[in-house]
Amino acid sequence: MRESRASGVRGLLRIRPTPRWIVPLFTVLGLALVPWTLYLAITLPRRATLDSYDAPWVGFDIGLAGLILLTAVLARRRHRQVGLAAVAVSTMLVADAWFDVTTTPGGGTRGIAVALAIAFVVELPLAGLSLWLALTAGDLVGTRLPDRAAATAPPGGTRPRFRRTGDGTGRLRSYGRRSRHSGGMNADGREMLARGRVATRLPAQDLDRARRFYAERLGLEPVDERPGGLLYRCGGVDFVLFRSTGTSPGTFTQMAWEVEDIERVVSALEGRGVVFEEVDLPGLLGGGRTTDSIAEIEGNYPSKGARGERGAWFRDSEGNLLGVGQLVR
């Protein structure tokens, strides 16, 4: 029972629900292809003459080349959609190998041998490589490439050096010469952070206590851990709980989940013992107070295509202020 409830809450926080029509539609389409394939197997002729045999192959290869180049561009930019392009490339390469072998004109074994060689030496290995790229796209996007400016700098040229200020505060200040690259930044340098993946860090004075809270109250389990740290992943974005001797101020929202049905999420979390904050702030609709732990917030970012937002806040076991929000369109 606990596991089923944990899975339910985990699903609410991690991903947007799939539209209900997706599963039945694709199920029907998949099943419908079975009799259609049998029909084609019975009715299609074994031999056919085409007036434009070259056009389908040329068009297919143009599309394949475009997808391969697109995958290269997306991988270079570490774009999050590189996995989709790689899957498309893998699919087209497998289809290319299949049709190369099965549509080779007759008249001898040489043509078949060449088609099989191309399929097993070139097309299928490249399809496997593309599939590997699709499966590891998250690691590629999250990996930080070295800065070329730093790589070409002389030893010690860009590494900051620090010493104590001597004023009794224990603060550090930098000293030494500045990098010759610090005066300007090329396009790669400007995009260095823009291409990186953002990750949230939340302090925890008692990491074991925090782990129990996130598991029992939020239904979240770490995907990885190390001494002093727990790594979580929600919706493809990472956040970390790290052991800290400091305390969280808890005076502002430190992390939030964007959900589709905030009433359902709040109800599910309250059922697991999460206590939501009652907020009274200027700028909130409805007299500036929350109603049933949910606040109505006016306005939103234009890029989100929403006219407002609904939000609710709670604290974890370490005092971190967390929130859930739903766009109002």
Foldseek 3Di string as FASTA:
>chain_A
DLLVLLVVLQVQFFDADDPPVPVVVVVVVVVVVVVVVVVCVPPPDPDDDDPCPPVVVVVLVVVLVVLVVVLVVCLVLLPLCSLVSLQVNLVSLQVVLVCQQPVQDDDDCPSNVVSNCCSVVPRNVSSVVSNVCNVCSLVSLADQDDDPLVVPFDVPQDDWDWDAPPPPPRDIDTDDDHHPPVVDDDPCRVCRVVSHADEAEDEAQDVVQLQCQCCQQSSWHFPDDDVQKGWGHGNSYIYMYGHDPDADPLPDAREEGEGADVVVSVVSNVVSPFDWDWFADPQWPPNRTADPQKTWHAQDDVVVVAGTKIKIWTAGPRSHIYMYMYGHD
